[in-house]
């Protein structure tokens, strides 16, 4: 899956803040742009795992799966 992220310099503490608009509440940060992007990848995976778990508990017959579209 490909997600768009928004990355911006942290004016107060240095480093970078990054968020994924498609997943509300999915944010991360890093000292470098590369570190911030690696951290948001992990955050996105974590958010998707939580969503999948919540769906499984609320609707046992439903799951979140990946579908490639070209």
N, C-alpha and C. Protein backbone atom coordinates (compact mmCIF):
# COMPACT_ATOMS: atom_id res chain seq x y z
N UNK A 1 0.85 -1.17 0.00
CA UNK A 1 0.00 0.00 0.00
C UNK A 1 0.89 1.23 0.00
N UNK A 2 0.39 2.26 -0.58
CA UNK A 2 1.11 3.52 -0.59
C UNK A 2 0.24 4.56 0.11
N UNK A 3 0.81 5.23 1.08
CA UNK A 3 0.12 6.30 1.80
C UNK A 3 0.86 7.60 1.59
N UNK A 4 0.12 8.67 1.42
CA UNK A 4 0.73 9.99 1.38
C UNK A 4 0.94 10.46 2.81
N UNK A 5 2.08 11.10 3.06
CA UNK A 5 2.39 11.63 4.37
C UNK A 5 2.77 13.10 4.24
N UNK A 6 2.61 13.82 5.33
CA UNK A 6 2.99 15.23 5.38
C UNK A 6 4.15 15.34 6.36
N UNK A 7 5.26 15.89 5.88
CA UNK A 7 6.44 16.03 6.73
C UNK A 7 6.81 17.51 6.80
N UNK A 8 7.18 17.94 8.00
CA UNK A 8 7.54 19.35 8.17
C UNK A 8 8.62 19.48 9.24
N UNK A 9 9.47 20.49 9.09
CA UNK A 9 10.49 20.71 10.11
C UNK A 9 9.85 21.11 11.43
N UNK A 10 10.41 20.63 12.52
CA UNK A 10 9.94 21.02 13.86
C UNK A 10 10.72 22.26 14.26
N UNK A 11 10.05 23.40 14.21
CA UNK A 11 10.71 24.68 14.45
C UNK A 11 11.18 24.83 15.90
N UNK A 12 10.51 24.20 16.84
CA UNK A 12 10.85 24.37 18.26
C UNK A 12 11.96 23.42 18.72
N UNK A 13 11.85 22.15 18.37
CA UNK A 13 12.77 21.14 18.91
C UNK A 13 13.78 20.62 17.89
N UNK A 14 13.66 21.04 16.64
CA UNK A 14 14.51 20.49 15.59
C UNK A 14 13.96 19.16 15.10
N UNK A 15 14.54 18.61 14.09
CA UNK A 15 14.04 17.36 13.52
C UNK A 15 12.83 17.59 12.65
N UNK A 16 12.03 16.55 12.49
CA UNK A 16 10.89 16.59 11.60
C UNK A 16 9.67 15.92 12.22
N UNK A 17 8.51 16.47 11.96
CA UNK A 17 7.23 15.87 12.32
C UNK A 17 6.61 15.34 11.05
N UNK A 18 5.91 14.21 11.17
CA UNK A 18 5.30 13.59 9.99
C UNK A 18 3.97 12.97 10.40
N UNK A 19 2.98 13.08 9.51
CA UNK A 19 1.67 12.49 9.78
C UNK A 19 1.10 11.87 8.51
N UNK A 20 0.14 10.99 8.71
CA UNK A 20 -0.54 10.32 7.60
C UNK A 20 -2.00 10.74 7.62
N UNK A 21 -2.40 11.67 6.75
CA UNK A 21 -3.78 12.18 6.76
C UNK A 21 -4.85 11.10 6.58
N UNK A 22 -4.54 10.02 5.90
CA UNK A 22 -5.52 8.96 5.67
C UNK A 22 -5.84 8.18 6.94
N UNK A 23 -4.97 8.29 7.95
CA UNK A 23 -5.16 7.58 9.21
C UNK A 23 -5.13 8.60 10.35
N UNK A 24 -6.27 9.16 10.69
CA UNK A 24 -6.31 10.18 11.75
C UNK A 24 -5.61 9.70 13.02
N UNK A 25 -4.78 10.56 13.56
CA UNK A 25 -4.06 10.23 14.78
C UNK A 25 -2.74 9.52 14.53
N UNK A 26 -2.40 9.27 13.28
CA UNK A 26 -1.16 8.57 12.94
C UNK A 26 -0.07 9.61 12.69
N UNK A 27 0.78 9.81 13.70
CA UNK A 27 1.84 10.82 13.64
C UNK A 27 3.14 10.20 14.12
N UNK A 28 4.25 10.80 13.74
CA UNK A 28 5.55 10.40 14.26
C UNK A 28 6.51 11.56 14.09
N UNK A 29 7.77 11.29 14.40
CA UNK A 29 8.80 12.32 14.27
C UNK A 29 10.15 11.65 14.15
N UNK A 30 11.17 12.43 13.84
CA UNK A 30 12.52 11.91 13.77
C UNK A 30 13.51 13.05 13.71
N UNK A 31 14.75 12.75 14.05
CA UNK A 31 15.79 13.77 14.01
C UNK A 31 16.15 14.17 12.59
N UNK A 32 16.02 13.23 11.65
CA UNK A 32 16.28 13.50 10.23
C UNK A 32 15.02 13.16 9.44
N UNK A 33 14.98 13.64 8.20
CA UNK A 33 13.84 13.30 7.34
C UNK A 33 13.74 11.79 7.15
N UNK A 34 14.87 11.14 6.94
CA UNK A 34 14.88 9.69 6.73
C UNK A 34 14.35 8.96 7.97
N UNK A 35 14.79 9.37 9.15
CA UNK A 35 14.32 8.74 10.38
C UNK A 35 12.82 8.96 10.57
N UNK A 36 12.35 10.17 10.29
CA UNK A 36 10.92 10.46 10.42
C UNK A 36 10.10 9.59 9.47
N UNK A 37 10.58 9.41 8.24
CA UNK A 37 9.85 8.57 7.27
C UNK A 37 9.86 7.10 7.70
N UNK A 38 10.98 6.62 8.23
CA UNK A 38 11.01 5.24 8.74
C UNK A 38 10.06 5.08 9.92
N UNK A 39 10.00 6.10 10.79
CA UNK A 39 9.13 6.03 11.95
C UNK A 39 7.65 6.07 11.56
N UNK A 40 7.29 6.85 10.53
CA UNK A 40 5.87 6.90 10.13
C UNK A 40 5.48 5.59 9.46
N UNK A 41 6.41 4.92 8.80
CA UNK A 41 6.10 3.59 8.23
C UNK A 41 5.69 2.65 9.36
N UNK A 42 6.46 2.65 10.43
CA UNK A 42 6.14 1.80 11.58
C UNK A 42 4.80 2.21 12.21
N UNK A 43 4.56 3.52 12.30
CA UNK A 43 3.31 4.01 12.87
C UNK A 43 2.11 3.60 12.02
N UNK A 44 2.26 3.68 10.70
CA UNK A 44 1.17 3.29 9.80
C UNK A 44 0.87 1.81 9.98
N UNK A 45 1.90 0.97 10.02
CA UNK A 45 1.68 -0.46 10.23
C UNK A 45 0.98 -0.71 11.56
N UNK A 46 1.38 0.00 12.59
CA UNK A 46 0.73 -0.13 13.89
C UNK A 46 -0.73 0.28 13.86
N UNK A 47 -1.02 1.40 13.19
CA UNK A 47 -2.41 1.86 13.07
C UNK A 47 -3.26 0.84 12.32
N UNK A 48 -2.73 0.29 11.24
CA UNK A 48 -3.48 -0.71 10.47
C UNK A 48 -3.72 -1.97 11.29
N UNK A 49 -2.74 -2.36 12.07
CA UNK A 49 -2.91 -3.54 12.93
C UNK A 49 -4.01 -3.32 13.96
N UNK A 50 -4.02 -2.13 14.57
CA UNK A 50 -5.06 -1.81 15.55
C UNK A 50 -6.43 -1.80 14.88
N UNK A 51 -6.53 -1.19 13.70
CA UNK A 51 -7.82 -1.16 12.99
C UNK A 51 -8.29 -2.57 12.67
N UNK A 52 -7.36 -3.42 12.23
CA UNK A 52 -7.72 -4.80 11.91
C UNK A 52 -8.20 -5.54 13.16
N UNK A 53 -7.50 -5.35 14.28
CA UNK A 53 -7.90 -5.99 15.54
C UNK A 53 -9.27 -5.51 15.99
N UNK A 54 -9.50 -4.21 15.90
CA UNK A 54 -10.80 -3.67 16.32
C UNK A 54 -11.93 -4.19 15.44
N UNK A 55 -11.66 -4.29 14.14
CA UNK A 55 -12.67 -4.81 13.22
C UNK A 55 -12.95 -6.28 13.54
N UNK A 56 -11.91 -7.03 13.82
CA UNK A 56 -12.07 -8.46 14.12
C UNK A 56 -12.93 -8.66 15.37
N UNK A 57 -12.76 -7.79 16.37
CA UNK A 57 -13.54 -7.91 17.60
C UNK A 57 -14.98 -7.45 17.41
N UNK A 58 -15.16 -6.38 16.64
CA UNK A 58 -16.50 -5.82 16.44
C UNK A 58 -17.31 -6.64 15.44
N UNK A 59 -16.63 -7.15 14.43
CA UNK A 59 -17.29 -7.90 13.37
C UNK A 59 -16.43 -9.11 13.04
N UNK A 60 -16.57 -10.18 13.77
CA UNK A 60 -15.69 -11.35 13.62
C UNK A 60 -15.60 -11.91 12.21
N UNK A 61 -16.63 -11.74 11.40
CA UNK A 61 -16.61 -12.30 10.05
C UNK A 61 -15.90 -11.37 9.04
N UNK A 62 -15.51 -10.16 9.48
CA UNK A 62 -14.89 -9.20 8.58
C UNK A 62 -13.41 -9.02 8.91
N UNK A 63 -12.61 -8.75 7.87
CA UNK A 63 -11.19 -8.48 8.04
C UNK A 63 -10.78 -7.36 7.11
N UNK A 64 -9.69 -6.70 7.44
CA UNK A 64 -9.11 -5.69 6.55
C UNK A 64 -8.00 -6.38 5.78
N UNK A 65 -8.05 -6.32 4.46
CA UNK A 65 -7.05 -6.94 3.60
C UNK A 65 -6.50 -5.89 2.66
N UNK A 66 -5.39 -6.20 2.03
CA UNK A 66 -4.78 -5.32 1.04
C UNK A 66 -5.21 -5.74 -0.36
N UNK A 67 -5.50 -4.76 -1.21
CA UNK A 67 -5.85 -5.01 -2.60
C UNK A 67 -5.03 -4.07 -3.45
N UNK A 68 -4.29 -4.59 -4.41
CA UNK A 68 -3.48 -3.76 -5.30
C UNK A 68 -4.34 -3.28 -6.46
N UNK A 69 -4.23 -2.00 -6.76
CA UNK A 69 -4.95 -1.41 -7.88
C UNK A 69 -3.94 -0.76 -8.80
N UNK A 70 -4.02 -1.05 -10.09
CA UNK A 70 -3.06 -0.46 -11.01
C UNK A 70 -3.75 0.28 -12.13
